[in-house]
Amino acid sequence: MKRSAVQTRLLLVIGIAIIVGFLSTRFSFRLDFTGDKRYTLSDATLNILENLNEPVTVTAYFSEKLPPNVAETKSDFKDLLVEYANRSKGNVVYEFIDPAAKPETEQEVLQKGIQPVMINVREKDEVKQQKAFLGALLKMGDQSDVLPFVQPGAAMEYALSSSIKKLSVKDKPKIAFLDGQGEPSLTAMQQVRSVLSVLYDVSNYTINDTAPIPNTYKTLAVVAPKDSFTAMQLQRLDEFMANGGNVLVAINRVNGDFNTSMGSPVTTGLETWLNQKGISVEDKFVMDAQCGTVTVQQRQGFFTIQTPVQFPYLPLVSDFADHPISKGLERVLLPFASPITYSFPDTSIKTIVLAKTSQRSNTSASSTYFDVMKQYTENDFTLSSLPVAIAVEGKLSGSRVGKMVVFGDGDFAVNGEGQGAQQLQPDNVSFMVNAIDWLSDDTGLNELRTKGVSSRPIKEQLEDSKKTMIKYSNFLIPILLVIGYGVLRMQMRRRKRMKWMEERYV
């Protein structure tokens, strides 16, 4: 090749590199191939960033020298902040600080509400615990908000966008949880209340026979009532919806009592109100082979042991609709749930079944005896895909289009009070909060709460033989493929060698 041609090609490559470098400083794009699009900002986030009137300063307090799996969290959080800064046109400013760099810095971080966590670190074949900071402080003007812990694999965008919205919003939308009919208090729903309080003004409300429900409430939630409603109280609910309010109903049509091992029907009048709208929460128990467990005491010799036993009356739902309320959820436990049926004479009313039971389900009468130790067979589960939660949108009361969400269980998001309070799994809380978000907020921010998917469980229950086959198949098939490829390569090389030898001797 001539020297001039080499020089021309070299100059051409250098010129292309300069042009690409120049364009990369002016334009940028990212390709996101993740299943949940965790590196793509949602429309809700973009809307929040576009409406920022003041700069937001994010001070991220992350320790240095973190293990690779934890350091990835810092990298992901930084990439997210870069996107926020770019999309907000400079209204989001960030910096990273190592709290361990100076003793006084660590004290300041602790005073701001960011506590260290203990993580396992492997050094020289030993596992040690190391203190690490993974938090952030957001400031807008004289207001501030703390992200005490950026959890690895969690929905970072939801936490960050919610915090920014919390700082930027002037008047929080108001939502109310009904009381007066034996409903659990807000204290008994501490996890739900804690999440909702970030973006909403949450309070209790008792229906007054002499005054309508204030239209300042965006949504009224009716959760697990025990006492009967009067005709006037139900009329107030209709008036509230007719004036543009939305309603969430999580109702218990049956009650399961472990003390007596008996079930019983629950009647409050709310079921009649729903029936008039075309929604029926049946007074039956849902049974599901995919279920939670109860702990049973069993004696073995001189010892008493606690044994977990599967209990079909605690359905573990994993079949969800692709809807803002249920998208991204994995499993929700619905204790003593009831099936939902619906039929609307108005064809314009839109209904979405948010959650259904598994392919191996059934129903049981409300007055039934619970045999915890019963061995269930396939004949006990003759039904499938029973709706246990629905979302309805249309003219439900009056001429205005409204929204309603109905759950066939009232206790799935209730922690309880005092010593009986229990920590709920995140998806149970998200299911309730997402529903209230969908009824109360049109920004779509609720879709981000479950954006960070942590696991992909197999929804179908597998027999032990099938599990063993899958396990050994995953182990043996790659090995057999490698061996097969090696044998094929050896045969091909042998044929080439034989052909080459034949050509030489011809």
Protein backbone atom coordinates (compact mmCIF):
# COMPACT_ATOMS: atom_id res chain seq x y z
CA MET A 1 0.00 0.00 0.00
CA LYS A 2 1.29 3.43 -0.90
CA ARG A 3 2.38 5.82 1.82
CA SER A 4 -0.11 8.48 0.70
CA ALA A 5 -3.01 6.02 0.97
CA VAL A 6 -1.98 5.09 4.52
CA GLN A 7 -1.81 8.75 5.51
CA THR A 8 -5.21 9.42 3.94
CA ARG A 9 -6.83 6.58 5.89
CA LEU A 10 -5.15 7.68 9.10
CA LEU A 11 -6.41 11.23 8.68
CA LEU A 12 -9.89 9.91 7.91
CA VAL A 13 -9.97 7.83 11.13
CA ILE A 14 -8.73 10.79 13.18
CA GLY A 15 -11.35 13.05 11.59
CA ILE A 16 -14.17 10.58 12.37
CA ALA A 17 -12.96 10.28 15.98
CA ILE A 18 -12.96 14.08 16.36
CA ILE A 19 -16.48 14.38 14.91
CA VAL A 20 -17.81 11.57 17.13
CA GLY A 21 -16.20 13.18 20.18
CA PHE A 22 -17.72 16.56 19.31
CA LEU A 23 -21.19 15.09 18.78
CA SER A 24 -21.01 13.11 22.02
CA THR A 25 -20.56 16.35 23.97
CA ARG A 26 -23.66 17.81 22.35
CA PHE A 27 -25.93 14.78 22.17
CA SER A 28 -26.27 11.64 24.28
CA PHE A 29 -28.54 8.61 24.42
CA ARG A 30 -28.76 5.39 26.35
CA LEU A 31 -30.06 1.97 25.41
CA ASP A 32 -31.91 0.23 28.22
CA PHE A 33 -32.38 -3.51 27.73
CA THR A 34 -33.44 -4.30 31.32
CA GLY A 35 -36.81 -6.01 31.77
CA ASP A 36 -38.22 -3.30 34.04
CA LYS A 37 -36.55 -0.35 32.23
CA ARG A 38 -34.84 0.67 35.45
CA TYR A 39 -32.39 2.95 33.63
CA THR A 40 -35.09 4.84 31.71
CA LEU A 41 -36.76 7.77 33.44
CA SER A 42 -40.55 7.53 33.51
CA ASP A 43 -42.97 10.17 32.28
CA ALA A 44 -43.90 10.86 35.91
CA THR A 45 -40.30 11.70 36.80
CA LEU A 46 -39.83 13.82 33.68
CA ASN A 47 -42.99 15.76 34.56
CA ILE A 48 -41.68 16.42 38.09
CA LEU A 49 -38.30 17.58 36.79
CA GLU A 50 -39.82 19.85 34.14
CA ASN A 51 -41.97 21.63 36.75
CA LEU A 52 -39.16 22.38 39.20
CA ASN A 53 -39.16 26.07 40.08
CA GLU A 54 -36.10 25.90 42.34
CA PRO A 55 -32.85 23.92 42.22
CA VAL A 56 -32.65 20.68 44.20
CA THR A 57 -29.33 19.76 45.79
CA VAL A 58 -28.69 16.06 46.37
CA THR A 59 -25.84 15.22 48.73
CA ALA A 60 -25.18 11.49 48.51
CA TYR A 61 -23.34 10.00 51.48
CA PHE A 62 -21.77 6.75 50.31
CA SER A 63 -18.81 4.98 51.87
CA GLU A 64 -15.75 4.17 49.77
CA LYS A 65 -14.18 0.72 49.30
CA LEU A 66 -17.48 -1.11 49.23
CA PRO A 67 -17.83 -4.75 48.10
CA PRO A 68 -18.62 -5.06 44.37
CA ASN A 69 -22.29 -5.99 44.93
CA VAL A 70 -22.83 -2.94 47.17
CA ALA A 71 -20.63 -0.62 45.11
CA GLU A 72 -22.98 -1.30 42.19
CA THR A 73 -25.70 0.48 44.15
CA LYS A 74 -23.57 3.59 44.36
CA SER A 75 -22.84 3.41 40.63
CA ASP A 76 -26.54 2.99 39.76
CA PHE A 77 -27.52 5.88 42.05
CA LYS A 78 -24.89 8.13 40.45
CA ASP A 79 -26.05 7.22 36.93
CA LEU A 80 -29.60 8.07 37.98
CA LEU A 81 -28.51 11.46 39.33
CA VAL A 82 -26.70 12.18 36.06
CA GLU A 83 -29.98 11.58 34.20
CA TYR A 84 -31.88 13.79 36.65
CA ALA A 85 -29.35 16.58 36.24
CA ASN A 86 -29.50 16.39 32.45
CA ARG A 87 -33.29 16.18 32.19
CA SER A 88 -33.89 18.96 34.74
CA LYS A 89 -31.67 21.36 32.77
CA GLY A 90 -29.39 21.87 35.75
CA ASN A 91 -32.09 22.12 38.42
CA VAL A 92 -30.80 18.94 40.07
CA VAL A 93 -27.27 19.32 41.45
CA TYR A 94 -25.49 16.48 43.21
CA GLU A 95 -22.29 15.55 44.99
CA PHE A 96 -20.91 12.41 46.64
CA ILE A 97 -19.23 12.53 50.04
CA ASP A 98 -17.52 9.76 51.99
CA PRO A 99 -18.65 10.17 55.63
CA ALA A 100 -15.55 8.34 56.86
CA ALA A 101 -13.20 10.90 55.32
CA LYS A 102 -13.42 13.09 58.42
CA PRO A 103 -14.75 12.31 61.93
CA GLU A 104 -16.79 15.51 62.01
CA THR A 105 -18.42 14.60 58.67
CA GLU A 106 -19.66 11.29 60.04
CA GLN A 107 -21.18 13.05 63.04
CA GLU A 108 -22.97 15.52 60.76
CA VAL A 109 -24.37 12.67 58.67
CA LEU A 110 -25.69 10.89 61.76
CA GLN A 111 -27.36 14.09 62.96
CA LYS A 112 -29.10 14.43 59.60
CA GLY A 113 -30.79 11.06 60.08
CA ILE A 114 -28.62 8.83 57.89
CA GLN A 115 -27.57 5.76 59.86
CA PRO A 116 -24.85 3.31 58.78
CA VAL A 117 -25.64 -0.30 57.94
CA MET A 118 -23.48 -3.35 58.56
CA ILE A 119 -22.43 -5.28 55.45
CA ASN A 120 -20.43 -8.48 55.07
CA VAL A 121 -16.97 -8.13 53.50
CA ARG A 122 -14.70 -11.05 52.59
CA GLU A 123 -11.00 -10.52 53.31
CA LYS A 124 -8.40 -13.29 53.08
CA ASP A 125 -10.99 -16.09 53.24
CA GLU A 126 -12.66 -14.45 56.23
CA VAL A 127 -16.05 -12.77 56.39
CA LYS A 128 -16.03 -9.56 58.37
CA GLN A 129 -18.62 -6.90 59.00
CA GLN A 130 -18.03 -3.37 57.79
CA LYS A 131 -19.92 -0.18 58.55
CA ALA A 132 -21.21 1.52 55.43
CA PHE A 133 -23.27 4.61 54.61
CA LEU A 134 -25.77 4.43 51.72
CA GLY A 135 -27.98 7.49 52.03
CA ALA A 136 -28.70 10.94 50.66
CA LEU A 137 -29.97 14.34 51.73
CA LEU A 138 -32.13 16.44 49.39
CA LYS A 139 -32.55 20.20 49.81
CA MET A 140 -34.78 22.75 48.10
CA GLY A 141 -34.64 26.21 49.57
CA ASP A 142 -35.07 25.87 53.33
CA GLN A 143 -36.73 22.46 53.06
CA SER A 144 -34.93 19.12 53.21
CA ASP A 145 -35.73 15.43 52.99
CA VAL A 146 -33.64 12.40 53.88
CA LEU A 147 -33.21 9.08 52.08
CA PRO A 148 -31.70 7.22 55.04
CA PHE A 149 -30.89 4.07 53.10
CA VAL A 150 -30.66 3.51 49.34
CA GLN A 151 -31.43 -0.18 49.26
CA PRO A 152 -29.56 -2.30 46.68
CA GLY A 153 -31.93 -3.52 43.96
CA ALA A 154 -34.83 -1.37 45.15
CA ALA A 155 -36.85 1.20 43.23
CA MET A 156 -34.35 4.09 43.35
CA GLU A 157 -36.26 6.26 40.90
CA TYR A 158 -39.42 6.11 43.00
CA ALA A 159 -37.55 7.07 46.19
CA LEU A 160 -35.73 9.96 44.49
CA SER A 161 -38.72 11.28 42.53
CA SER A 162 -41.03 11.01 45.53
CA SER A 163 -38.57 12.94 47.66
CA ILE A 164 -38.25 15.70 45.05
CA LYS A 165 -42.02 15.91 44.66
CA LYS A 166 -42.41 16.05 48.44
CA LEU A 167 -40.12 19.09 48.53
CA SER A 168 -41.66 20.83 45.53
CA VAL A 169 -45.37 20.29 46.19
CA LYS A 170 -47.12 23.13 47.96
CA ASP A 171 -50.46 21.58 48.94
CA LYS A 172 -50.64 17.82 49.40
CA PRO A 173 -53.78 16.10 48.07
CA LYS A 174 -56.07 14.93 50.87
CA ILE A 175 -57.22 11.36 51.30
CA ALA A 176 -59.30 9.89 54.12
CA PHE A 177 -59.71 6.48 55.71
CA LEU A 178 -63.23 5.89 56.91
CA ASP A 179 -63.81 5.16 60.60
CA GLY A 180 -66.92 4.71 62.69
CA GLN A 181 -67.90 1.25 61.42
CA GLY A 182 -65.23 -0.77 63.23
CA GLU A 183 -62.48 -0.16 60.68
CA PRO A 184 -58.81 -0.48 61.74
CA SER A 185 -57.25 2.82 62.80
CA LEU A 186 -54.44 4.51 60.91
CA THR A 187 -52.14 3.33 63.70
CA ALA A 188 -53.04 -0.24 62.76
CA MET A 189 -51.98 0.49 59.15
CA GLN A 190 -48.64 2.05 59.97
CA GLN A 191 -46.78 0.83 56.86
CA VAL A 192 -49.46 2.08 54.47
CA ARG A 193 -49.77 5.35 56.34
CA SER A 194 -45.99 5.88 56.36
CA VAL A 195 -45.76 5.52 52.58
CA LEU A 196 -48.84 7.60 51.82
CA SER A 197 -47.81 10.45 54.14
CA VAL A 198 -44.92 11.30 51.83
CA LEU A 199 -47.23 12.67 49.12
CA TYR A 200 -50.65 12.97 50.77
CA ASP A 201 -52.39 14.56 53.71
CA VAL A 202 -53.79 11.39 55.34
CA SER A 203 -56.55 11.50 57.96
CA ASN A 204 -59.57 9.64 59.33
CA TYR A 205 -63.13 10.62 58.48
CA THR A 206 -66.44 9.63 60.04
CA ILE A 207 -69.50 9.91 57.81
CA ASN A 208 -71.99 12.42 59.17
CA ASP A 209 -75.68 11.86 58.44
CA THR A 210 -76.32 15.61 58.39
CA ALA A 211 -73.39 16.75 56.20
CA PRO A 212 -71.89 15.53 52.92
CA ILE A 213 -68.36 14.15 52.67
CA PRO A 214 -66.06 17.13 51.92
CA ASN A 215 -65.05 17.31 48.27
CA THR A 216 -61.56 18.36 49.39
CA TYR A 217 -60.80 14.64 49.69
CA LYS A 218 -59.55 13.07 46.49
CA THR A 219 -60.18 9.53 47.70
CA LEU A 220 -62.09 7.84 50.51
CA ALA A 221 -60.78 4.41 51.60
CA VAL A 222 -63.16 1.98 53.30
CA VAL A 223 -61.05 -0.79 54.82
CA ALA A 224 -62.41 -3.84 56.70
CA PRO A 225 -65.58 -2.38 58.28
CA LYS A 226 -67.27 -4.59 60.89
CA ASP A 227 -70.41 -2.64 61.80
CA SER A 228 -73.43 -1.92 59.63
CA PHE A 229 -73.83 1.20 57.48
CA THR A 230 -77.03 3.20 57.57
CA ALA A 231 -78.89 4.04 54.37
CA MET A 232 -77.89 7.71 54.78
CA GLN A 233 -74.20 6.82 55.13
CA LEU A 234 -74.31 4.81 51.91
CA GLN A 235 -76.09 7.73 50.24
CA ARG A 236 -73.22 9.99 51.35
CA LEU A 237 -70.81 7.65 49.56
CA ASP A 238 -72.89 7.96 46.38
CA GLU A 239 -72.93 11.75 46.69
CA PHE A 240 -69.17 11.81 47.19
CA MET A 241 -68.61 9.84 43.98
CA ALA A 242 -71.18 11.91 42.09
CA ASN A 243 -69.19 15.04 43.03
CA GLY A 244 -65.96 13.62 41.58
CA GLY A 245 -64.55 11.66 44.51
CA ASN A 246 -63.08 8.17 44.17
CA VAL A 247 -63.57 5.25 46.55
CA LEU A 248 -61.45 2.27 47.59
CA VAL A 249 -63.27 -0.65 49.19
CA ALA A 250 -61.37 -3.48 50.91
CA ILE A 251 -64.14 -5.60 52.39
CA ASN A 252 -64.30 -8.75 54.48
CA ARG A 253 -67.32 -10.81 53.50
CA VAL A 254 -66.13 -13.74 55.60
CA ASN A 255 -64.29 -14.04 58.89
CA GLY A 256 -61.85 -16.80 59.79
CA ASP A 257 -61.31 -17.48 63.48
CA PHE A 258 -58.28 -19.60 64.38
CA ASN A 259 -59.43 -19.86 68.01
CA THR A 260 -62.61 -21.72 67.08
CA SER A 261 -61.33 -23.07 63.71
CA MET A 262 -64.58 -21.80 62.19
CA GLY A 263 -65.58 -19.40 59.48
CA SER A 264 -68.58 -17.08 59.46
CA PRO A 265 -70.19 -14.54 57.09
CA VAL A 266 -69.80 -10.77 57.56
CA THR A 267 -72.62 -8.37 56.65
CA THR A 268 -72.31 -4.58 56.88
CA GLY A 269 -74.63 -3.29 54.15
CA LEU A 270 -71.62 -2.22 52.07
CA GLU A 271 -71.95 -5.42 50.04
CA THR A 272 -75.51 -4.36 49.09
CA TRP A 273 -74.24 -0.94 48.02
CA LEU A 274 -71.66 -2.64 45.79
CA ASN A 275 -74.28 -5.03 44.38
CA GLN A 276 -76.37 -2.05 43.25
CA LYS A 277 -73.39 -0.94 41.17
CA GLY A 278 -72.89 -4.39 39.64
CA ILE A 279 -70.07 -5.63 41.89
CA SER A 280 -70.53 -8.71 44.08
CA VAL A 281 -68.04 -9.73 46.75
CA GLU A 282 -69.32 -13.21 47.53
CA ASP A 283 -69.70 -14.50 51.08
CA LYS A 284 -67.36 -17.42 50.36
CA PHE A 285 -63.79 -18.28 51.25
CA VAL A 286 -61.23 -18.48 48.48
CA MET A 287 -59.04 -21.59 48.61
CA ASP A 288 -55.77 -21.82 46.70
CA ALA A 289 -53.08 -24.49 46.46
CA GLN A 290 -50.60 -21.62 46.22
CA CYS A 291 -50.94 -20.34 49.74
CA GLY A 292 -49.33 -19.15 52.94
CA THR A 293 -48.59 -21.25 56.01
CA VAL A 294 -49.74 -21.43 59.60
CA THR A 295 -47.62 -22.69 62.48
CA VAL A 296 -48.85 -25.83 64.20
CA GLN A 297 -47.51 -27.34 67.41
CA GLN A 298 -46.70 -31.04 67.13
CA ARG A 299 -45.33 -33.42 69.72
CA GLN A 300 -42.46 -35.73 68.88
CA GLY A 301 -41.59 -37.85 71.86
CA PHE A 302 -40.86 -35.54 74.76
CA PHE A 303 -40.53 -32.47 72.55
CA THR A 304 -43.01 -29.98 71.10
CA ILE A 305 -41.95 -28.52 67.76
CA GLN A 306 -43.38 -25.70 65.65
CA THR A 307 -44.24 -26.92 62.16
CA PRO A 308 -45.30 -24.67 59.27
CA VAL A 309 -48.30 -26.12 57.43
CA GLN A 310 -49.73 -24.86 54.15
CA PHE A 311 -53.21 -23.41 54.63
CA PRO A 312 -55.27 -22.89 51.42
CA TYR A 313 -57.45 -20.22 53.07
CA LEU A 314 -54.43 -17.88 52.94
CA PRO A 315 -54.10 -17.51 49.14
CA LEU A 316 -50.75 -16.24 47.91
CA VAL A 317 -51.68 -14.36 44.75
CA SER A 318 -49.14 -13.98 41.95
CA ASP A 319 -51.34 -13.51 38.85
CA PHE A 320 -51.55 -9.74 38.33
CA ALA A 321 -52.77 -7.50 35.51
CA ASP A 322 -50.49 -5.18 33.59
CA HIS A 323 -52.02 -2.16 35.31
CA PRO A 324 -50.48 0.75 37.28
CA ILE A 325 -51.93 -0.69 40.50
CA SER A 326 -50.56 -4.20 40.12
CA LYS A 327 -47.70 -3.91 37.64
CA GLY A 328 -44.42 -5.18 39.08
CA LEU A 329 -45.99 -6.97 42.04
CA GLU A 330 -44.79 -10.50 42.64
CA ARG A 331 -46.78 -12.03 45.50
CA VAL A 332 -49.51 -10.71 47.79
CA LEU A 333 -50.93 -12.65 50.73
CA LEU A 334 -54.72 -12.24 51.05
CA PRO A 335 -55.87 -13.87 54.31
CA PHE A 336 -59.44 -15.20 54.19
CA ALA A 337 -60.27 -13.53 50.89
CA SER A 338 -63.53 -13.74 48.91
CA PRO A 339 -64.05 -13.98 45.13
CA ILE A 340 -65.42 -11.02 43.19
CA THR A 341 -67.91 -11.13 40.33
CA TYR A 342 -69.21 -8.16 38.36
CA SER A 343 -71.79 -7.29 35.73
CA PHE A 344 -72.50 -3.75 34.56
CA PRO A 345 -75.52 -2.79 32.45
CA ASP A 346 -73.58 0.27 31.24
CA THR A 347 -71.13 -1.06 28.65
CA SER A 348 -69.01 2.10 28.91
CA ILE A 349 -67.83 1.10 32.39
CA LYS A 350 -64.29 -0.25 32.16
CA THR A 351 -63.24 -3.07 34.47
CA ILE A 352 -59.78 -4.53 35.03
CA VAL A 353 -59.22 -7.68 37.09
CA LEU A 354 -56.13 -6.67 39.06
CA ALA A 355 -55.42 -9.99 40.76
CA LYS A 356 -56.55 -13.60 40.32
CA THR A 357 -55.93 -16.83 42.15
CA SER A 358 -53.83 -19.62 40.67
CA GLN A 359 -54.95 -22.38 38.30
CA ARG A 360 -55.60 -24.64 41.30
CA SER A 361 -58.28 -22.83 43.31
CA ASN A 362 -61.71 -23.31 44.81
CA THR A 363 -64.27 -21.70 47.09
CA SER A 364 -65.71 -22.76 50.42
CA ALA A 365 -68.90 -21.80 52.22
CA SER A 366 -68.65 -18.99 54.76
CA SER A 367 -69.73 -21.27 57.60
CA THR A 368 -67.03 -23.89 57.44
CA TYR A 369 -64.67 -25.77 59.75
CA PHE A 370 -60.92 -25.31 59.23
CA ASP A 371 -59.00 -28.57 59.40
CA VAL A 372 -55.44 -27.27 59.50
CA MET A 373 -53.90 -30.76 59.29
CA LYS A 374 -55.99 -31.89 56.31
CA GLN A 375 -54.03 -33.27 53.36
CA TYR A 376 -55.44 -31.53 50.28
CA THR A 377 -55.47 -33.21 46.85
CA GLU A 378 -56.08 -32.06 43.28
CA ASN A 379 -59.79 -32.80 43.72
CA ASP A 380 -59.98 -30.02 46.30
CA PHE A 381 -59.01 -27.38 43.69
CA THR A 382 -61.42 -27.60 40.77
CA LEU A 383 -61.61 -23.88 39.90
CA SER A 384 -59.05 -21.44 38.57
CA SER A 385 -58.29 -17.72 38.17
CA LEU A 386 -60.83 -16.34 40.63
CA PRO A 387 -60.84 -12.50 40.70
CA VAL A 388 -59.95 -11.12 44.14
CA ALA A 389 -59.32 -7.46 43.22
CA ILE A 390 -60.75 -5.23 40.48
CA ALA A 391 -60.44 -1.64 39.27
CA VAL A 392 -63.53 0.05 37.82
CA GLU A 393 -63.75 3.29 35.86
CA GLY A 394 -66.94 4.87 34.55
CA LYS A 395 -70.25 6.42 35.58
CA LEU A 396 -70.76 4.59 38.87
CA SER A 397 -72.77 7.30 40.65
CA GLY A 398 -74.46 10.09 38.75
CA SER A 399 -73.26 11.38 35.40
CA ARG A 400 -69.60 11.94 36.28
CA VAL A 401 -66.92 9.43 35.44
CA GLY A 402 -65.30 8.11 38.60
CA LYS A 403 -62.96 5.40 39.77
CA MET A 404 -63.32 2.61 42.27
CA VAL A 405 -61.03 -0.20 43.45
CA VAL A 406 -62.51 -3.22 45.21
CA PHE A 407 -60.54 -5.86 47.12
CA GLY A 408 -62.10 -9.14 48.24
CA ASP A 409 -60.13 -8.92 51.48
CA GLY A 410 -59.88 -6.13 54.04
CA ASP A 411 -56.94 -7.26 56.15
CA PHE A 412 -54.08 -7.74 53.69
CA ALA A 413 -52.63 -4.25 54.38
CA VAL A 414 -53.36 -4.08 58.12
CA ASN A 415 -50.45 -4.45 60.56
CA GLY A 416 -52.53 -4.57 63.72
CA GLU A 417 -51.88 -2.75 66.97
CA GLY A 418 -49.82 -3.28 70.11
CA GLN A 419 -48.18 -6.67 70.57
CA GLY A 420 -50.34 -8.13 67.80
CA ALA A 421 -48.84 -5.85 65.13
CA GLN A 422 -47.00 -7.65 62.32
CA GLN A 423 -44.61 -6.46 59.63
CA LEU A 424 -46.17 -6.87 56.19
CA GLN A 425 -44.32 -7.93 53.08
CA PRO A 426 -43.65 -4.97 50.74
CA ASP A 427 -45.99 -6.13 47.96
CA ASN A 428 -48.98 -6.16 50.32
CA VAL A 429 -48.29 -2.53 51.19
CA SER A 430 -47.61 -1.57 47.57
CA PHE A 431 -50.89 -3.14 46.41
CA MET A 432 -52.91 -0.90 48.74
CA VAL A 433 -50.81 2.24 48.22
CA ASN A 434 -50.73 1.81 44.43
CA ALA A 435 -54.53 1.61 44.41
CA ILE A 436 -54.85 4.86 46.37
CA ASP A 437 -52.26 6.49 44.10
CA TRP A 438 -54.23 5.46 41.01
CA LEU A 439 -57.41 6.90 42.52
CA SER A 440 -55.79 10.10 43.80
CA ASP A 441 -52.83 11.01 41.60
CA ASP A 442 -52.71 11.21 37.81
CA THR A 443 -48.93 11.67 37.53
CA GLY A 444 -48.17 7.94 37.30
CA LEU A 445 -45.59 8.09 40.08
CA ASN A 446 -47.06 4.96 41.67
CA GLU A 447 -45.79 2.83 38.76
CA LEU A 448 -42.22 3.43 39.97
CA ARG A 449 -42.75 1.88 43.40
CA THR A 450 -42.31 -1.64 42.06
CA LYS A 451 -39.90 -0.81 39.26
CA GLY A 452 -36.93 -2.50 40.92
CA VAL A 453 -37.81 -6.17 40.58
CA SER A 454 -35.84 -8.30 43.01
CA SER A 455 -36.88 -11.79 41.96
CA ARG A 456 -38.78 -13.74 39.32
CA PRO A 457 -40.56 -16.55 41.17
CA ILE A 458 -41.98 -19.54 39.32
CA LYS A 459 -45.72 -19.02 39.63
CA GLU A 460 -46.66 -22.63 38.93
CA GLN A 461 -46.26 -25.03 41.82
CA LEU A 462 -43.95 -27.85 40.76
CA GLU A 463 -43.85 -31.42 41.95
CA ASP A 464 -40.63 -32.73 43.52
CA SER A 465 -39.90 -34.97 40.52
CA LYS A 466 -40.24 -32.06 38.09
CA LYS A 467 -38.04 -29.85 40.30
CA THR A 468 -35.35 -32.57 40.33
CA MET A 469 -35.55 -32.92 36.55
CA ILE A 470 -35.19 -29.15 36.04
CA LYS A 471 -32.27 -28.97 38.48
CA TYR A 472 -30.27 -31.73 36.81
CA SER A 473 -31.20 -30.48 33.33
CA ASN A 474 -29.77 -27.05 34.15
CA PHE A 475 -26.60 -28.75 35.36
CA LEU A 476 -26.13 -31.38 32.65
CA ILE A 477 -27.37 -29.70 29.45
CA PRO A 478 -24.56 -27.05 29.32
CA ILE A 479 -21.95 -29.78 29.90
CA LEU A 480 -23.43 -31.98 27.17
CA LEU A 481 -23.52 -29.03 24.77
CA VAL A 482 -19.83 -28.32 25.38
CA ILE A 483 -18.92 -31.99 24.92
CA GLY A 484 -21.04 -32.19 21.77
CA TYR A 485 -19.41 -29.07 20.35
CA GLY A 486 -15.96 -30.53 21.13
CA VAL A 487 -16.79 -33.82 19.37
CA LEU A 488 -18.16 -31.92 16.37
CA ARG A 489 -15.01 -29.79 16.14
CA MET A 490 -12.83 -32.88 16.40
CA GLN A 491 -14.73 -34.58 13.55
CA MET A 492 -14.48 -31.50 11.36
CA ARG A 493 -10.72 -31.19 11.96
CA ARG A 494 -10.27 -34.89 11.25
CA ARG A 495 -12.10 -34.60 7.94
CA LYS A 496 -9.99 -31.60 6.93
CA ARG A 497 -6.80 -33.50 7.80
CA MET A 498 -7.87 -36.58 5.81
CA LYS A 499 -8.80 -34.44 2.81
CA TRP A 500 -5.47 -32.61 2.99
CA MET A 501 -3.57 -35.93 3.08
CA GLU A 502 -5.52 -37.28 0.11
CA GLU A 503 -4.70 -34.17 -1.93
CA ARG A 504 -0.99 -34.53 -1.20
CA TYR A 505 -0.86 -38.19 -2.28
CA VAL A 506 -2.86 -37.70 -5.47
